[in-house]
Amino acid sequence: MPLYDRLLGTSEQVAKISVHAFQATLGEFARGRLTGAQAQSLLASISGSPLAPDEVTEAQTLLATFTGSATAKLARATEVDHVLLLAEGRAPGYDTPAAVKTRLGV
């Protein structure tokens, strides 16, 4: 199950991942307060379903876009937050996994 399907809640097969919980987990990982394994465990605990290997890969791809100075990383985190919040609300242009991935540049 692709990660963005779970974030948008477009599948009935696997539990939705809360966008707010995902954002907070990304932030804690980016600050070095969680390992990758801890982040995965936390998301599994919150959503009730572990991340599939392809979802882990998608999360890692997104995290790889957090580069540069602390200011650049903060700006990227803010951009990801905004895109995911619009996606969760199914705003036009943010309402499919493919559109979200395009907006995030992944």
PDB file of N, CA and C in Angstrom:
ATOM      1  N   MET A   1       0.856  -1.183   0.000  1.00  0.00           N
ATOM      2  CA  MET A   1       0.000   0.000   0.000  1.00  0.00           C
ATOM      3  C   MET A   1       0.896   1.239   0.000  1.00  0.00           C
ATOM      4  N   PRO A   2       0.814   2.055  -0.995  1.00  0.00           N
ATOM      5  CA  PRO A   2       1.634   3.265  -1.026  1.00  0.00           C
ATOM      6  C   PRO A   2       1.326   4.217   0.132  1.00  0.00           C
ATOM      7  N   LEU A   3       2.358   4.848   0.598  1.00  0.00           N
ATOM      8  CA  LEU A   3       2.275   5.751   1.743  1.00  0.00           C
ATOM      9  C   LEU A   3       1.237   6.855   1.548  1.00  0.00           C
ATOM     10  N   TYR A   4       1.221   7.456   0.368  1.00  0.00           N
ATOM     11  CA  TYR A   4       0.328   8.597   0.151  1.00  0.00           C
ATOM     12  C   TYR A   4      -1.138   8.184   0.119  1.00  0.00           C
ATOM     13  N   ASP A   5      -1.421   6.941  -0.265  1.00  0.00           N
ATOM     14  CA  ASP A   5      -2.792   6.433  -0.164  1.00  0.00           C
ATOM     15  C   ASP A   5      -3.220   6.377   1.301  1.00  0.00           C
ATOM     16  N   ARG A   6      -2.291   5.963   2.150  1.00  0.00           N
ATOM     17  CA  ARG A   6      -2.622   5.885   3.582  1.00  0.00           C
ATOM     18  C   ARG A   6      -2.775   7.269   4.200  1.00  0.00           C
ATOM     19  N   LEU A   7      -1.957   8.210   3.773  1.00  0.00           N
ATOM     20  CA  LEU A   7      -2.071   9.565   4.309  1.00  0.00           C
ATOM     21  C   LEU A   7      -3.385  10.223   3.892  1.00  0.00           C
ATOM     22  N   LEU A   8      -3.830   9.942   2.670  1.00  0.00           N
ATOM     23  CA  LEU A   8      -5.093  10.498   2.195  1.00  0.00           C
ATOM     24  C   LEU A   8      -6.298   9.675   2.635  1.00  0.00           C
ATOM     25  N   GLY A   9      -6.051   8.453   3.081  1.00  0.00           N
ATOM     26  CA  GLY A   9      -7.158   7.590   3.496  1.00  0.00           C
ATOM     27  C   GLY A   9      -7.947   7.053   2.327  1.00  0.00           C
ATOM     28  N   THR A  10      -7.275   6.820   1.180  1.00  0.00           N
ATOM     29  CA  THR A  10      -7.984   6.375  -0.016  1.00  0.00           C
ATOM     30  C   THR A  10      -8.141   4.866  -0.114  1.00  0.00           C
ATOM     31  N   SER A  11      -7.635   4.133   0.847  1.00  0.00           N
ATOM     32  CA  SER A  11      -7.769   2.680   0.814  1.00  0.00           C
ATOM     33  C   SER A  11      -8.534   2.198   2.039  1.00  0.00           C
ATOM     34  N   GLU A  12      -9.400   1.258   1.811  1.00  0.00           N
ATOM     35  CA  GLU A  12     -10.125   0.656   2.936  1.00  0.00           C
ATOM     36  C   GLU A  12      -9.381  -0.570   3.460  1.00  0.00           C
ATOM     37  N   GLN A  13      -8.316  -0.978   2.757  1.00  0.00           N
ATOM     38  CA  GLN A  13      -7.582  -2.189   3.121  1.00  0.00           C
ATOM     39  C   GLN A  13      -6.612  -1.977   4.274  1.00  0.00           C
ATOM     40  N   VAL A  14      -6.044  -0.776   4.375  1.00  0.00           N
ATOM     41  CA  VAL A  14      -5.031  -0.502   5.393  1.00  0.00           C
ATOM     42  C   VAL A  14      -5.406   0.777   6.130  1.00  0.00           C
ATOM     43  N   ALA A  15      -5.080   0.827   7.404  1.00  0.00           N
ATOM     44  CA  ALA A  15      -5.440   1.961   8.245  1.00  0.00           C
ATOM     45  C   ALA A  15      -4.820   3.269   7.757  1.00  0.00           C
ATOM     46  N   LYS A  16      -5.596   4.336   7.820  1.00  0.00           N
ATOM     47  CA  LYS A  16      -5.117   5.666   7.466  1.00  0.00           C
ATOM     48  C   LYS A  16      -4.054   6.105   8.470  1.00  0.00           C
ATOM     49  N   ILE A  17      -3.083   6.830   7.966  1.00  0.00           N
ATOM     50  CA  ILE A  17      -2.074   7.448   8.835  1.00  0.00           C
ATOM     51  C   ILE A  17      -2.473   8.910   9.004  1.00  0.00           C
ATOM     52  N   SER A  18      -2.592   9.353  10.220  1.00  0.00           N
ATOM     53  CA  SER A  18      -2.908  10.746  10.506  1.00  0.00           C
ATOM     54  C   SER A  18      -1.813  11.646   9.941  1.00  0.00           C
ATOM     55  N   VAL A  19      -2.212  12.655   9.173  1.00  0.00           N
ATOM     56  CA  VAL A  19      -1.246  13.592   8.614  1.00  0.00           C
ATOM     57  C   VAL A  19      -0.489  14.295   9.724  1.00  0.00           C
ATOM     58  N   HIS A  20      -1.172  14.685  10.782  1.00  0.00           N
ATOM     59  CA  HIS A  20      -0.507  15.373  11.890  1.00  0.00           C
ATOM     60  C   HIS A  20       0.523  14.469  12.567  1.00  0.00           C
ATOM     61  N   ALA A  21       0.176  13.216  12.768  1.00  0.00           N
ATOM     62  CA  ALA A  21       1.120  12.278  13.376  1.00  0.00           C
ATOM     63  C   ALA A  21       2.311  12.037  12.454  1.00  0.00           C
ATOM     64  N   PHE A  22       2.058  11.950  11.154  1.00  0.00           N
ATOM     65  CA  PHE A  22       3.135  11.746  10.193  1.00  0.00           C
ATOM     66  C   PHE A  22       4.073  12.950  10.196  1.00  0.00           C
ATOM     67  N   GLN A  23       3.512  14.153  10.174  1.00  0.00           N
ATOM     68  CA  GLN A  23       4.322  15.373  10.195  1.00  0.00           C
ATOM     69  C   GLN A  23       5.177  15.442  11.458  1.00  0.00           C
ATOM     70  N   ALA A  24       4.584  15.130  12.585  1.00  0.00           N
ATOM     71  CA  ALA A  24       5.326  15.169  13.840  1.00  0.00           C
ATOM     72  C   ALA A  24       6.440  14.131  13.854  1.00  0.00           C
ATOM     73  N   THR A  25       6.165  12.957  13.320  1.00  0.00           N
ATOM     74  CA  THR A  25       7.176  11.904  13.254  1.00  0.00           C
ATOM     75  C   THR A  25       8.319  12.316  12.341  1.00  0.00           C
ATOM     76  N   LEU A  26       7.997  12.887  11.174  1.00  0.00           N
ATOM     77  CA  LEU A  26       9.044  13.385  10.275  1.00  0.00           C
ATOM     78  C   LEU A  26       9.916  14.416  10.981  1.00  0.00           C
ATOM     79  N   GLY A  27       9.289  15.309  11.695  1.00  0.00           N
ATOM     80  CA  GLY A  27      10.032  16.352  12.402  1.00  0.00           C
ATOM     81  C   GLY A  27      10.971  15.783  13.452  1.00  0.00           C
ATOM     82  N   GLU A  28      10.481  14.853  14.235  1.00  0.00           N
ATOM     83  CA  GLU A  28      11.314  14.248  15.270  1.00  0.00           C
ATOM     84  C   GLU A  28      12.466  13.448  14.660  1.00  0.00           C
ATOM     85  N   PHE A  29      12.195  12.772  13.545  1.00  0.00           N
ATOM     86  CA  PHE A  29      13.252  12.040  12.853  1.00  0.00           C
ATOM     87  C   PHE A  29      14.289  13.016  12.304  1.00  0.00           C
ATOM     88  N   ALA A  30      13.834  14.087  11.667  1.00  0.00           N
ATOM     89  CA  ALA A  30      14.746  15.070  11.086  1.00  0.00           C
ATOM     90  C   ALA A  30      15.621  15.734  12.145  1.00  0.00           C
ATOM     91  N   ARG A  31      15.090  15.890  13.356  1.00  0.00           N
ATOM     92  CA  ARG A  31      15.862  16.475  14.454  1.00  0.00           C
ATOM     93  C   ARG A  31      16.768  15.458  15.131  1.00  0.00           C
ATOM     94  N   GLY A  32      16.701  14.213  14.705  1.00  0.00           N
ATOM     95  CA  GLY A  32      17.550  13.182  15.291  1.00  0.00           C
ATOM     96  C   GLY A  32      17.031  12.615  16.597  1.00  0.00           C
ATOM     97  N   ARG A  33      15.776  12.841  16.895  1.00  0.00           N
ATOM     98  CA  ARG A  33      15.198  12.353  18.154  1.00  0.00           C
ATOM     99  C   ARG A  33      14.583  10.966  18.015  1.00  0.00           C
ATOM    100  N   LEU A  34      14.420  10.496  16.777  1.00  0.00           N
ATOM    101  CA  LEU A  34      13.905   9.152  16.508  1.00  0.00           C
ATOM    102  C   LEU A  34      14.784   8.498  15.455  1.00  0.00           C
ATOM    103  N   THR A  35      15.012   7.216  15.602  1.00  0.00           N
ATOM    104  CA  THR A  35      15.662   6.455  14.542  1.00  0.00           C
ATOM    105  C   THR A  35      14.600   6.081  13.520  1.00  0.00           C
ATOM    106  N   GLY A  36      15.038   5.564  12.393  1.00  0.00           N
ATOM    107  CA  GLY A  36      14.082   5.106  11.389  1.00  0.00           C
ATOM    108  C   GLY A  36      13.166   4.033  11.928  1.00  0.00           C
ATOM    109  N   ALA A  37      13.742   3.090  12.674  1.00  0.00           N
ATOM    110  CA  ALA A  37      12.942   2.007  13.257  1.00  0.00           C
ATOM    111  C   ALA A  37      11.940   2.544  14.271  1.00  0.00           C
ATOM    112  N   GLN A  38      12.355   3.516  15.076  1.00  0.00           N
ATOM    113  CA  GLN A  38      11.437   4.102  16.052  1.00  0.00           C
ATOM    114  C   GLN A  38      10.304   4.863  15.354  1.00  0.00           C
ATOM    115  N   ALA A  39      10.640   5.563  14.276  1.00  0.00           N
ATOM    116  CA  ALA A  39       9.623   6.301  13.523  1.00  0.00           C
ATOM    117  C   ALA A  39       8.596   5.339  12.935  1.00  0.00           C
ATOM    118  N   GLN A  40       9.076   4.235  12.373  1.00  0.00           N
ATOM    119  CA  GLN A  40       8.170   3.232  11.812  1.00  0.00           C
ATOM    120  C   GLN A  40       7.275   2.639  12.893  1.00  0.00           C
ATOM    121  N   SER A  41       7.863   2.335  14.036  1.00  0.00           N
ATOM    122  CA  SER A  41       7.104   1.759  15.145  1.00  0.00           C
ATOM    123  C   SER A  41       6.044   2.736  15.649  1.00  0.00           C
ATOM    124  N   LEU A  42       6.426   3.994  15.739  1.00  0.00           N
ATOM    125  CA  LEU A  42       5.495   5.025  16.200  1.00  0.00           C
ATOM    126  C   LEU A  42       4.305   5.155  15.246  1.00  0.00           C
ATOM    127  N   LEU A  43       4.582   5.203  13.944  1.00  0.00           N
ATOM    128  CA  LEU A  43       3.494   5.308  12.965  1.00  0.00           C
ATOM    129  C   LEU A  43       2.611   4.071  12.977  1.00  0.00           C
ATOM    130  N   ALA A  44       3.213   2.904  13.153  1.00  0.00           N
ATOM    131  CA  ALA A  44       2.426   1.670  13.241  1.00  0.00           C
ATOM    132  C   ALA A  44       1.518   1.698  14.461  1.00  0.00           C
ATOM    133  N   SER A  45       2.051   2.180  15.566  1.00  0.00           N
ATOM    134  CA  SER A  45       1.280   2.252  16.801  1.00  0.00           C
ATOM    135  C   SER A  45       0.108   3.224  16.667  1.00  0.00           C
ATOM    136  N   ILE A  46       0.367   4.369  16.059  1.00  0.00           N
ATOM    137  CA  ILE A  46      -0.667   5.389  15.912  1.00  0.00           C
ATOM    138  C   ILE A  46      -1.740   4.960  14.920  1.00  0.00           C
ATOM    139  N   SER A  47      -1.316   4.370  13.797  1.00  0.00           N
ATOM    140  CA  SER A  47      -2.281   4.018  12.752  1.00  0.00           C
ATOM    141  C   SER A  47      -2.921   2.654  12.961  1.00  0.00           C
ATOM    142  N   GLY A  48      -2.237   1.783  13.721  1.00  0.00           N
ATOM    143  CA  GLY A  48      -2.750   0.438  13.935  1.00  0.00           C
ATOM    144  C   GLY A  48      -2.289  -0.560  12.891  1.00  0.00           C
ATOM    145  N   SER A  49      -1.390  -0.124  11.998  1.00  0.00           N
ATOM    146  CA  SER A  49      -0.894  -1.003  10.947  1.00  0.00           C
ATOM    147  C   SER A  49       0.530  -0.596  10.588  1.00  0.00           C
ATOM    148  N   PRO A  50       1.448  -1.553  10.542  1.00  0.00           N
ATOM    149  CA  PRO A  50       2.843  -1.200  10.224  1.00  0.00           C
ATOM    150  C   PRO A  50       2.997  -0.720   8.785  1.00  0.00           C
ATOM    151  N   LEU A  51       4.082   0.015   8.547  1.00  0.00           N
ATOM    152  CA  LEU A  51       4.392   0.445   7.192  1.00  0.00           C
ATOM    153  C   LEU A  51       4.886  -0.741   6.382  1.00  0.00           C
ATOM    154  N   ALA A  52       4.404  -0.841   5.164  1.00  0.00           N
ATOM    155  CA  ALA A  52       4.881  -1.860   4.230  1.00  0.00           C
ATOM    156  C   ALA A  52       6.236  -1.396   3.685  1.00  0.00           C
ATOM    157  N   PRO A  53       7.026  -2.316   3.161  1.00  0.00           N
ATOM    158  CA  PRO A  53       8.341  -1.925   2.634  1.00  0.00           C
ATOM    159  C   PRO A  53       8.281  -0.785   1.606  1.00  0.00           C
ATOM    160  N   ASP A  54       7.289  -0.782   0.720  1.00  0.00           N
ATOM    161  CA  ASP A  54       7.201   0.311  -0.259  1.00  0.00           C
ATOM    162  C   ASP A  54       6.853   1.641   0.406  1.00  0.00           C
ATOM    163  N   GLU A  55       6.120   1.594   1.514  1.00  0.00           N
ATOM    164  CA  GLU A  55       5.797   2.814   2.253  1.00  0.00           C
ATOM    165  C   GLU A  55       7.039   3.367   2.946  1.00  0.00           C
ATOM    166  N   VAL A  56       7.866   2.482   3.470  1.00  0.00           N
ATOM    167  CA  VAL A  56       9.131   2.895   4.091  1.00  0.00           C
ATOM    168  C   VAL A  56       9.996   3.581   3.034  1.00  0.00           C
ATOM    169  N   THR A  57      10.063   3.006   1.848  1.00  0.00           N
ATOM    170  CA  THR A  57      10.853   3.587   0.767  1.00  0.00           C
ATOM    171  C   THR A  57      10.334   4.971   0.397  1.00  0.00           C
ATOM    172  N   GLU A  58       9.011   5.124   0.325  1.00  0.00           N
ATOM    173  CA  GLU A  58       8.444   6.434   0.002  1.00  0.00           C
ATOM    174  C   GLU A  58       8.744   7.462   1.097  1.00  0.00           C
ATOM    175  N   ALA A  59       8.686   7.053   2.342  1.00  0.00           N
ATOM    176  CA  ALA A  59       9.012   7.964   3.445  1.00  0.00           C
ATOM    177  C   ALA A  59      10.478   8.372   3.374  1.00  0.00           C
ATOM    178  N   GLN A  60      11.355   7.426   3.077  1.00  0.00           N
ATOM    179  CA  GLN A  60      12.776   7.729   2.958  1.00  0.00           C
ATOM    180  C   GLN A  60      13.037   8.681   1.788  1.00  0.00           C
ATOM    181  N   THR A  61      12.319   8.493   0.694  1.00  0.00           N
ATOM    182  CA  THR A  61      12.462   9.383  -0.460  1.00  0.00           C
ATOM    183  C   THR A  61      12.051  10.803  -0.088  1.00  0.00           C
ATOM    184  N   LEU A  62      10.958  10.938   0.660  1.00  0.00           N
ATOM    185  CA  LEU A  62      10.525  12.256   1.106  1.00  0.00           C
ATOM    186  C   LEU A  62      11.553  12.871   2.043  1.00  0.00           C
ATOM    187  N   LEU A  63      12.039  12.103   2.999  1.00  0.00           N
ATOM    188  CA  LEU A  63      13.035  12.614   3.943  1.00  0.00           C
ATOM    189  C   LEU A  63      14.308  13.063   3.239  1.00  0.00           C
ATOM    190  N   ALA A  64      14.660  12.417   2.148  1.00  0.00           N
ATOM    191  CA  ALA A  64      15.872  12.778   1.408  1.00  0.00           C
ATOM    192  C   ALA A  64      15.776  14.171   0.792  1.00  0.00           C
ATOM    193  N   THR A  65      14.558  14.726   0.724  1.00  0.00           N
ATOM    194  CA  THR A  65      14.395  16.077   0.181  1.00  0.00           C
ATOM    195  C   THR A  65      14.650  17.153   1.226  1.00  0.00           C
ATOM    196  N   PHE A  66      14.882  16.761   2.460  1.00  0.00           N
ATOM    197  CA  PHE A  66      15.183  17.702   3.540  1.00  0.00           C
ATOM    198  C   PHE A  66      16.697  17.881   3.582  1.00  0.00           C
ATOM    199  N   THR A  67      17.206  18.833   2.802  1.00  0.00           N
ATOM    200  CA  THR A  67      18.651  19.025   2.681  1.00  0.00           C
ATOM    201  C   THR A  67      19.022  20.479   2.905  1.00  0.00           C
ATOM    202  N   GLY A  68      20.316  20.704   3.064  1.00  0.00           N
ATOM    203  CA  GLY A  68      20.835  22.061   3.194  1.00  0.00           C
ATOM    204  C   GLY A  68      20.929  22.515   4.630  1.00  0.00           C
ATOM    205  N   SER A  69      20.875  23.817   4.781  1.00  0.00           N
ATOM    206  CA  SER A  69      20.994  24.436   6.104  1.00  0.00           C
ATOM    207  C   SER A  69      19.763  24.145   6.952  1.00  0.00           C
ATOM    208  N   ALA A  70      19.869  24.479   8.223  1.00  0.00           N
ATOM    209  CA  ALA A  70      18.729  24.310   9.124  1.00  0.00           C
ATOM    210  C   ALA A  70      17.543  25.135   8.624  1.00  0.00           C
ATOM    211  N   THR A  71      17.807  26.313   8.101  1.00  0.00           N
ATOM    212  CA  THR A  71      16.747  27.169   7.571  1.00  0.00           C
ATOM    213  C   THR A  71      16.085  26.517   6.370  1.00  0.00           C
ATOM    214  N   ALA A  72      16.893  25.922   5.487  1.00  0.00           N
ATOM    215  CA  ALA A  72      16.342  25.252   4.304  1.00  0.00           C
ATOM    216  C   ALA A  72      15.506  24.039   4.712  1.00  0.00           C
ATOM    217  N   LYS A  73      15.967  23.301   5.698  1.00  0.00           N
ATOM    218  CA  LYS A  73      15.219  22.133   6.164  1.00  0.00           C
ATOM    219  C   LYS A  73      13.896  22.552   6.795  1.00  0.00           C
ATOM    220  N   LEU A  74      13.924  23.633   7.545  1.00  0.00           N
ATOM    221  CA  LEU A  74      12.691  24.137   8.156  1.00  0.00           C
ATOM    222  C   LEU A  74      11.712  24.590   7.084  1.00  0.00           C
ATOM    223  N   ALA A  75      12.211  25.263   6.059  1.00  0.00           N
ATOM    224  CA  ALA A  75      11.339  25.693   4.962  1.00  0.00           C
ATOM    225  C   ALA A  75      10.732  24.485   4.261  1.00  0.00           C
ATOM    226  N   ARG A  76      11.520  23.448   4.056  1.00  0.00           N
ATOM    227  CA  ARG A  76      11.015  22.238   3.409  1.00  0.00           C
ATOM    228  C   ARG A  76       9.961  21.572   4.283  1.00  0.00           C
ATOM    229  N   ALA A  77      10.213  21.511   5.582  1.00  0.00           N
ATOM    230  CA  ALA A  77       9.241  20.910   6.501  1.00  0.00           C
ATOM    231  C   ALA A  77       7.917  21.664   6.454  1.00  0.00           C
ATOM    232  N   THR A  78       7.986  22.973   6.386  1.00  0.00           N
ATOM    233  CA  THR A  78       6.776  23.789   6.305  1.00  0.00           C
ATOM    234  C   THR A  78       6.034  23.509   5.000  1.00  0.00           C
ATOM    235  N   GLU A  79       6.780  23.402   3.903  1.00  0.00           N
ATOM    236  CA  GLU A  79       6.162  23.104   2.616  1.00  0.00           C
ATOM    237  C   GLU A  79       5.459  21.747   2.646  1.00  0.00           C
ATOM    238  N   VAL A  80       6.113  20.740   3.201  1.00  0.00           N
ATOM    239  CA  VAL A  80       5.510  19.404   3.301  1.00  0.00           C
ATOM    240  C   VAL A  80       4.259  19.464   4.166  1.00  0.00           C
ATOM    241  N   ASP A  81       4.336  20.168   5.285  1.00  0.00           N
ATOM    242  CA  ASP A  81       3.165  20.322   6.151  1.00  0.00           C
ATOM    243  C   ASP A  81       1.982  20.894   5.382  1.00  0.00           C
ATOM    244  N   HIS A  82       2.222  21.954   4.643  1.00  0.00           N
ATOM    245  CA  HIS A  82       1.142  22.617   3.916  1.00  0.00           C
ATOM    246  C   HIS A  82       0.528  21.701   2.867  1.00  0.00           C
ATOM    247  N   VAL A  83       1.380  21.028   2.108  1.00  0.00           N
ATOM    248  CA  VAL A  83       0.877  20.127   1.068  1.00  0.00           C
ATOM    249  C   VAL A  83       0.034  19.015   1.683  1.00  0.00           C
ATOM    250  N   LEU A  84       0.532  18.397   2.758  1.00  0.00           N
ATOM    251  CA  LEU A  84      -0.201  17.287   3.368  1.00  0.00           C
ATOM    252  C   LEU A  84      -1.508  17.738   4.013  1.00  0.00           C
ATOM    253  N   LEU A  85      -1.531  18.920   4.582  1.00  0.00           N
ATOM    254  CA  LEU A  85      -2.781  19.421   5.158  1.00  0.00           C
ATOM    255  C   LEU A  85      -3.814  19.684   4.070  1.00  0.00           C
ATOM    256  N   LEU A  86      -3.388  20.242   2.949  1.00  0.00           N
ATOM    257  CA  LEU A  86      -4.314  20.434   1.832  1.00  0.00           C
ATOM    258  C   LEU A  86      -4.776  19.095   1.275  1.00  0.00           C
ATOM    259  N   ALA A  87      -3.873  18.127   1.227  1.00  0.00           N
ATOM    260  CA  ALA A  87      -4.228  16.788   0.737  1.00  0.00           C
ATOM    261  C   ALA A  87      -5.249  16.128   1.652  1.00  0.00           C
ATOM    262  N   GLU A  88      -5.039  16.254   2.943  1.00  0.00           N
ATOM    263  CA  GLU A  88      -5.971  15.635   3.884  1.00  0.00           C
ATOM    264  C   GLU A  88      -7.376  16.223   3.732  1.00  0.00           C
ATOM    265  N   GLY A  89      -7.454  17.503   3.393  1.00  0.00           N
ATOM    266  CA  GLY A  89      -8.747  18.161   3.170  1.00  0.00           C
ATOM    267  C   GLY A  89      -9.280  17.953   1.765  1.00  0.00           C
ATOM    268  N   ARG A  90      -8.545  17.181   0.963  1.00  0.00           N
ATOM    269  CA  ARG A  90      -8.929  16.888  -0.424  1.00  0.00           C
ATOM    270  C   ARG A  90      -9.142  18.150  -1.252  1.00  0.00           C
ATOM    271  N   ALA A  91      -8.257  19.127  -1.052  1.00  0.00           N
ATOM    272  CA  ALA A  91      -8.314  20.352  -1.854  1.00  0.00           C
ATOM    273  C   ALA A  91      -8.063  20.005  -3.319  1.00  0.00           C
ATOM    274  N   PRO A  92      -8.727  20.685  -4.246  1.00  0.00           N
ATOM    275  CA  PRO A  92      -8.482  20.427  -5.666  1.00  0.00           C
ATOM    276  C   PRO A  92      -6.988  20.587  -5.984  1.00  0.00           C
ATOM    277  N   GLY A  93      -6.467  19.629  -6.720  1.00  0.00           N
ATOM    278  CA  GLY A  93      -5.052  19.636  -7.050  1.00  0.00           C
ATOM    279  C   GLY A  93      -4.177  18.951  -6.012  1.00  0.00           C
ATOM    280  N   TYR A  94      -4.791  18.535  -4.910  1.00  0.00           N
ATOM    281  CA  TYR A  94      -4.089  17.842  -3.825  1.00  0.00           C
ATOM    282  C   TYR A  94      -4.861  16.592  -3.408  1.00  0.00           C
ATOM    283  N   ASP A  95      -5.762  16.146  -4.243  1.00  0.00           N
ATOM    284  CA  ASP A  95      -6.725  15.133  -3.831  1.00  0.00           C
ATOM    285  C   ASP A  95      -6.428  13.709  -4.285  1.00  0.00           C
ATOM    286  N   THR A  96      -5.282  13.483  -4.883  1.00  0.00           N
ATOM    287  CA  THR A  96      -4.884  12.121  -5.244  1.00  0.00           C
ATOM    288  C   THR A  96      -3.437  11.898  -4.814  1.00  0.00           C
ATOM    289  N   PRO A  97      -3.054  10.667  -4.555  1.00  0.00           N
ATOM    290  CA  PRO A  97      -1.659  10.391  -4.218  1.00  0.00           C
ATOM    291  C   PRO A  97      -0.687  10.921  -5.270  1.00  0.00           C
ATOM    292  N   ALA A  98      -1.020  10.756  -6.536  1.00  0.00           N
ATOM    293  CA  ALA A  98      -0.131  11.229  -7.605  1.00  0.00           C
ATOM    294  C   ALA A  98       0.034  12.749  -7.551  1.00  0.00           C
ATOM    295  N   ALA A  99      -1.059  13.471  -7.313  1.00  0.00           N
ATOM    296  CA  ALA A  99      -0.990  14.924  -7.232  1.00  0.00           C
ATOM    297  C   ALA A  99      -0.152  15.366  -6.039  1.00  0.00           C
ATOM    298  N   VAL A 100      -0.305  14.681  -4.924  1.00  0.00           N
ATOM    299  CA  VAL A 100       0.461  15.022  -3.719  1.00  0.00           C
ATOM    300  C   VAL A 100       1.952  14.790  -3.969  1.00  0.00           C
ATOM    301  N   LYS A 101       2.288  13.661  -4.562  1.00  0.00           N
ATOM    302  CA  LYS A 101       3.688  13.370  -4.855  1.00  0.00           C
ATOM    303  C   LYS A 101       4.277  14.426  -5.801  1.00  0.00           C
ATOM    304  N   THR A 102       3.483  14.857  -6.773  1.00  0.00           N
ATOM    305  CA  THR A 102       3.959  15.904  -7.682  1.00  0.00           C
ATOM    306  C   THR A 102       4.199  17.193  -6.924  1.00  0.00           C
ATOM    307  N   ARG A 103       3.249  17.564  -6.075  1.00  0.00           N
ATOM    308  CA  ARG A 103       3.400  18.804  -5.286  1.00  0.00           C
ATOM    309  C   ARG A 103       4.620  18.736  -4.366  1.00  0.00           C
ATOM    310  N   LEU A 104       4.919  17.551  -3.862  1.00  0.00           N
ATOM    311  CA  LEU A 104       6.062  17.385  -2.969  1.00  0.00           C
ATOM    312  C   LEU A 104       7.379  17.197  -3.722  1.00  0.00           C
ATOM    313  N   GLY A 105       7.281  16.983  -5.022  1.00  0.00           N
ATOM    314  CA  GLY A 105       8.480  16.790  -5.814  1.00  0.00           C
ATOM    315  C   GLY A 105       9.177  15.458  -5.584  1.00  0.00           C
ATOM    316  N   VAL A 106       8.378  14.431  -5.309  1.00  0.00           N
ATOM    317  CA  VAL A 106       8.954  13.090  -5.090  1.00  0.00           C
ATOM    318  C   VAL A 106       8.386  12.079  -6.077  1.00  0.00           C
TER     319      VAL A 106
END
